[in-house]
Amino acid sequence: MTTQYGNQPTGQQHYGAPKAGASGNVFSIIAIVLGVIGFVFLPIVFALGGLIMAIIAKTVRHERLATIAVVVSAVGLVGGMVLGAIFASM
């Protein structure tokens, strides 16, 4: 916060403002769950949605778990499609 007389700090702190990237990993956790669900059930829907959410968490929100979420969702997408192809050919 600054005073009306320039860019002099007033000494007041904003304690309620969340920090970028440190406030939560909500998108990343949802993306990880969707990637795991997509490995077993409808990978095009769930794992692809998880991958999109993980990319948003990484690029826009800068979450810590975003890299793990990208990997889990990508493995869920590819692995789920391979698993579906194996079960479809039986």
N, C-alpha and C. Protein backbone atom coordinates (compact mmCIF):
# COMPACT_ATOMS: atom_id res chain seq x y z
N MET A 1 0.84 -1.16 0.00
CA MET A 1 0.00 0.00 0.00
C MET A 1 0.89 1.23 0.00
N THR A 2 0.49 2.25 -0.71
CA THR A 2 1.28 3.47 -0.78
C THR A 2 0.46 4.66 -0.31
N THR A 3 1.16 5.74 0.00
CA THR A 3 0.49 6.95 0.43
C THR A 3 0.09 7.78 -0.78
N GLN A 4 -0.65 8.85 -0.54
CA GLN A 4 -1.05 9.71 -1.64
C GLN A 4 0.09 10.61 -2.11
N TYR A 5 1.20 10.60 -1.40
CA TYR A 5 2.32 11.49 -1.71
C TYR A 5 3.41 10.81 -2.52
N GLY A 6 3.12 9.69 -3.11
CA GLY A 6 4.13 9.02 -3.92
C GLY A 6 4.14 7.54 -3.62
N ASN A 7 5.22 6.92 -3.93
CA ASN A 7 5.36 5.48 -3.74
C ASN A 7 6.04 5.15 -2.42
N GLN A 8 5.74 5.89 -1.39
CA GLN A 8 6.28 5.63 -0.07
C GLN A 8 5.44 4.54 0.60
N PRO A 9 6.04 3.48 1.08
CA PRO A 9 5.25 2.44 1.75
C PRO A 9 4.69 2.94 3.08
N THR A 10 3.49 2.50 3.40
CA THR A 10 2.84 2.95 4.63
C THR A 10 3.12 2.02 5.79
N GLY A 11 3.73 0.88 5.54
CA GLY A 11 4.02 -0.05 6.61
C GLY A 11 2.91 -1.06 6.85
N GLN A 12 1.81 -0.95 6.12
CA GLN A 12 0.70 -1.88 6.29
C GLN A 12 0.93 -3.11 5.41
N GLN A 13 0.62 -4.25 5.95
CA GLN A 13 0.79 -5.51 5.23
C GLN A 13 -0.57 -6.07 4.85
N HIS A 14 -0.62 -6.78 3.75
CA HIS A 14 -1.83 -7.48 3.33
C HIS A 14 -1.68 -8.94 3.74
N TYR A 15 -2.19 -9.28 4.90
CA TYR A 15 -2.04 -10.64 5.40
C TYR A 15 -3.06 -11.60 4.80
N GLY A 16 -4.17 -11.11 4.28
CA GLY A 16 -5.21 -11.98 3.76
C GLY A 16 -5.02 -12.35 2.31
N ALA A 17 -4.09 -11.73 1.62
CA ALA A 17 -3.89 -11.99 0.20
C ALA A 17 -3.18 -13.33 0.00
N PRO A 18 -3.73 -14.22 -0.83
CA PRO A 18 -3.06 -15.50 -1.06
C PRO A 18 -1.82 -15.34 -1.94
N LYS A 19 -0.85 -16.19 -1.70
CA LYS A 19 0.37 -16.17 -2.49
C LYS A 19 0.16 -17.01 -3.75
N ALA A 20 0.74 -16.57 -4.86
CA ALA A 20 0.59 -17.30 -6.11
C ALA A 20 1.35 -18.61 -6.04
N GLY A 21 0.69 -19.71 -6.34
CA GLY A 21 1.32 -21.01 -6.37
C GLY A 21 1.38 -21.71 -5.03
N ALA A 22 1.34 -20.97 -3.95
CA ALA A 22 1.46 -21.58 -2.63
C ALA A 22 0.11 -21.72 -1.94
N SER A 23 -0.93 -21.16 -2.52
CA SER A 23 -2.23 -21.17 -1.86
C SER A 23 -2.91 -22.52 -1.93
N GLY A 24 -2.63 -23.32 -2.93
CA GLY A 24 -3.26 -24.62 -3.02
C GLY A 24 -2.91 -25.30 -4.32
N ASN A 25 -3.17 -26.57 -4.32
CA ASN A 25 -2.91 -27.38 -5.50
C ASN A 25 -4.21 -28.04 -5.97
N VAL A 26 -5.28 -27.28 -5.93
CA VAL A 26 -6.60 -27.84 -6.20
C VAL A 26 -6.69 -28.40 -7.61
N PHE A 27 -6.27 -27.63 -8.61
CA PHE A 27 -6.34 -28.10 -9.99
C PHE A 27 -5.47 -29.32 -10.19
N SER A 28 -4.29 -29.32 -9.59
CA SER A 28 -3.38 -30.46 -9.74
C SER A 28 -3.94 -31.72 -9.12
N ILE A 29 -4.55 -31.61 -7.96
CA ILE A 29 -5.10 -32.79 -7.30
C ILE A 29 -6.28 -33.34 -8.09
N ILE A 30 -7.14 -32.46 -8.59
CA ILE A 30 -8.25 -32.91 -9.41
C ILE A 30 -7.74 -33.57 -10.68
N ALA A 31 -6.69 -33.03 -11.28
CA ALA A 31 -6.11 -33.60 -12.50
C ALA A 31 -5.51 -34.98 -12.23
N ILE A 32 -4.88 -35.17 -11.08
CA ILE A 32 -4.32 -36.47 -10.72
C ILE A 32 -5.44 -37.49 -10.56
N VAL A 33 -6.51 -37.10 -9.89
CA VAL A 33 -7.65 -38.02 -9.69
C VAL A 33 -8.28 -38.37 -11.04
N LEU A 34 -8.45 -37.39 -11.91
CA LEU A 34 -9.03 -37.66 -13.22
C LEU A 34 -8.11 -38.56 -14.06
N GLY A 35 -6.81 -38.38 -13.94
CA GLY A 35 -5.88 -39.24 -14.67
C GLY A 35 -5.95 -40.68 -14.21
N VAL A 36 -6.09 -40.91 -12.92
CA VAL A 36 -6.21 -42.27 -12.39
C VAL A 36 -7.53 -42.90 -12.80
N ILE A 37 -8.61 -42.12 -12.73
CA ILE A 37 -9.91 -42.64 -13.17
C ILE A 37 -9.88 -42.94 -14.66
N GLY A 38 -9.23 -42.08 -15.43
CA GLY A 38 -9.13 -42.27 -16.87
C GLY A 38 -8.33 -43.50 -17.26
N PHE A 39 -7.44 -43.95 -16.40
CA PHE A 39 -6.69 -45.17 -16.69
C PHE A 39 -7.61 -46.38 -16.75
N VAL A 40 -8.68 -46.36 -15.95
CA VAL A 40 -9.57 -47.51 -15.84
C VAL A 40 -10.85 -47.32 -16.64
N PHE A 41 -11.37 -46.10 -16.71
CA PHE A 41 -12.70 -45.88 -17.25
C PHE A 41 -12.72 -44.63 -18.13
N LEU A 42 -13.09 -44.77 -19.40
CA LEU A 42 -13.21 -43.66 -20.35
C LEU A 42 -12.01 -42.72 -20.37
N PRO A 43 -10.88 -43.18 -20.86
CA PRO A 43 -9.68 -42.33 -20.83
C PRO A 43 -9.79 -41.07 -21.69
N ILE A 44 -10.56 -41.13 -22.77
CA ILE A 44 -10.70 -39.94 -23.62
C ILE A 44 -11.39 -38.81 -22.85
N VAL A 45 -12.30 -39.16 -21.98
CA VAL A 45 -13.04 -38.13 -21.24
C VAL A 45 -12.27 -37.70 -19.99
N PHE A 46 -11.96 -38.67 -19.12
CA PHE A 46 -11.41 -38.33 -17.81
C PHE A 46 -9.93 -37.95 -17.88
N ALA A 47 -9.11 -38.76 -18.50
CA ALA A 47 -7.67 -38.47 -18.53
C ALA A 47 -7.37 -37.25 -19.39
N LEU A 48 -8.12 -37.06 -20.46
CA LEU A 48 -7.90 -35.87 -21.28
C LEU A 48 -8.32 -34.61 -20.52
N GLY A 49 -9.42 -34.70 -19.78
CA GLY A 49 -9.81 -33.58 -18.92
C GLY A 49 -8.78 -33.31 -17.85
N GLY A 50 -8.22 -34.37 -17.28
CA GLY A 50 -7.16 -34.21 -16.29
C GLY A 50 -5.91 -33.58 -16.88
N LEU A 51 -5.59 -33.97 -18.10
CA LEU A 51 -4.42 -33.40 -18.77
C LEU A 51 -4.61 -31.91 -19.04
N ILE A 52 -5.80 -31.53 -19.46
CA ILE A 52 -6.08 -30.11 -19.70
C ILE A 52 -6.00 -29.33 -18.39
N MET A 53 -6.58 -29.88 -17.33
CA MET A 53 -6.51 -29.20 -16.03
C MET A 53 -5.09 -29.11 -15.51
N ALA A 54 -4.29 -30.15 -15.74
CA ALA A 54 -2.90 -30.13 -15.29
C ALA A 54 -2.08 -29.08 -16.04
N ILE A 55 -2.35 -28.92 -17.32
CA ILE A 55 -1.64 -27.90 -18.10
C ILE A 55 -2.04 -26.51 -17.63
N ILE A 56 -3.32 -26.32 -17.33
CA ILE A 56 -3.76 -25.03 -16.79
C ILE A 56 -3.11 -24.77 -15.43
N ALA A 57 -3.03 -25.81 -14.61
CA ALA A 57 -2.41 -25.66 -13.29
C ALA A 57 -0.93 -25.31 -13.41
N LYS A 58 -0.28 -25.82 -14.43
CA LYS A 58 1.15 -25.56 -14.60
C LYS A 58 1.41 -24.18 -15.19
N THR A 59 0.67 -23.81 -16.23
CA THR A 59 0.98 -22.57 -16.93
C THR A 59 0.34 -21.34 -16.31
N VAL A 60 -0.90 -21.46 -15.86
CA VAL A 60 -1.61 -20.29 -15.36
C VAL A 60 -1.45 -20.13 -13.85
N ARG A 61 -1.66 -21.21 -13.11
CA ARG A 61 -1.69 -21.12 -11.65
C ARG A 61 -0.35 -21.42 -10.99
N HIS A 62 0.61 -22.00 -11.72
CA HIS A 62 1.96 -22.31 -11.22
C HIS A 62 1.92 -23.13 -9.93
N GLU A 63 1.16 -24.22 -9.96
CA GLU A 63 1.04 -25.08 -8.79
C GLU A 63 2.22 -26.05 -8.72
N ARG A 64 2.57 -26.44 -7.50
CA ARG A 64 3.72 -27.31 -7.29
C ARG A 64 3.50 -28.72 -7.84
N LEU A 65 2.31 -29.25 -7.71
CA LEU A 65 2.03 -30.62 -8.13
C LEU A 65 1.62 -30.74 -9.59
N ALA A 66 1.73 -29.66 -10.35
CA ALA A 66 1.26 -29.66 -11.73
C ALA A 66 2.05 -30.61 -12.62
N THR A 67 3.35 -30.71 -12.41
CA THR A 67 4.17 -31.61 -13.23
C THR A 67 3.77 -33.06 -12.99
N ILE A 68 3.53 -33.41 -11.75
CA ILE A 68 3.09 -34.77 -11.42
C ILE A 68 1.72 -35.02 -12.04
N ALA A 69 0.85 -34.03 -12.01
CA ALA A 69 -0.48 -34.17 -12.58
C ALA A 69 -0.42 -34.36 -14.09
N VAL A 70 0.49 -33.66 -14.77
CA VAL A 70 0.64 -33.83 -16.22
C VAL A 70 1.08 -35.26 -16.52
N VAL A 71 2.05 -35.77 -15.77
CA VAL A 71 2.56 -37.12 -16.02
C VAL A 71 1.49 -38.16 -15.74
N VAL A 72 0.79 -38.04 -14.61
CA VAL A 72 -0.24 -39.02 -14.25
C VAL A 72 -1.37 -39.00 -15.27
N SER A 73 -1.79 -37.82 -15.71
CA SER A 73 -2.87 -37.74 -16.69
C SER A 73 -2.45 -38.27 -18.05
N ALA A 74 -1.21 -38.00 -18.45
CA ALA A 74 -0.73 -38.53 -19.74
C ALA A 74 -0.62 -40.04 -19.70
N VAL A 75 -0.11 -40.58 -18.59
CA VAL A 75 -0.03 -42.04 -18.45
C VAL A 75 -1.43 -42.64 -18.40
N GLY A 76 -2.36 -41.97 -17.73
CA GLY A 76 -3.74 -42.44 -17.69
C GLY A 76 -4.39 -42.43 -19.05
N LEU A 77 -4.09 -41.42 -19.86
CA LEU A 77 -4.66 -41.34 -21.20
C LEU A 77 -4.12 -42.44 -22.10
N VAL A 78 -2.80 -42.55 -22.19
CA VAL A 78 -2.20 -43.56 -23.06
C VAL A 78 -2.43 -44.96 -22.52
N GLY A 79 -2.23 -45.15 -21.23
CA GLY A 79 -2.42 -46.47 -20.63
C GLY A 79 -3.86 -46.94 -20.70
N GLY A 80 -4.79 -46.02 -20.50
CA GLY A 80 -6.20 -46.39 -20.59
C GLY A 80 -6.61 -46.78 -21.98
N MET A 81 -6.07 -46.10 -22.98
CA MET A 81 -6.39 -46.46 -24.36
C MET A 81 -5.77 -47.80 -24.73
N VAL A 82 -4.55 -48.05 -24.28
CA VAL A 82 -3.91 -49.35 -24.54
C VAL A 82 -4.67 -50.46 -23.82
N LEU A 83 -5.04 -50.22 -22.58
CA LEU A 83 -5.79 -51.21 -21.82
C LEU A 83 -7.16 -51.47 -22.46
N GLY A 84 -7.81 -50.44 -22.95
CA GLY A 84 -9.07 -50.62 -23.66
C GLY A 84 -8.92 -51.39 -24.93
N ALA A 85 -7.83 -51.15 -25.67
CA ALA A 85 -7.59 -51.90 -26.90
C ALA A 85 -7.32 -53.37 -26.62
N ILE A 86 -6.62 -53.66 -25.53
CA ILE A 86 -6.34 -55.05 -25.18
C ILE A 86 -7.63 -55.77 -24.80
N PHE A 87 -8.47 -55.12 -23.99
CA PHE A 87 -9.71 -55.76 -23.59
C PHE A 87 -10.72 -55.85 -24.74
N ALA A 88 -10.65 -54.92 -25.70
CA ALA A 88 -11.56 -54.96 -26.84
C ALA A 88 -11.20 -56.10 -27.80
N SER A 89 -9.94 -56.46 -27.85
CA SER A 89 -9.52 -57.52 -28.77
C SER A 89 -9.73 -58.91 -28.21
N MET A 90 -10.11 -59.03 -26.95
CA MET A 90 -10.33 -60.35 -26.34
C MET A 90 -11.67 -60.91 -26.72
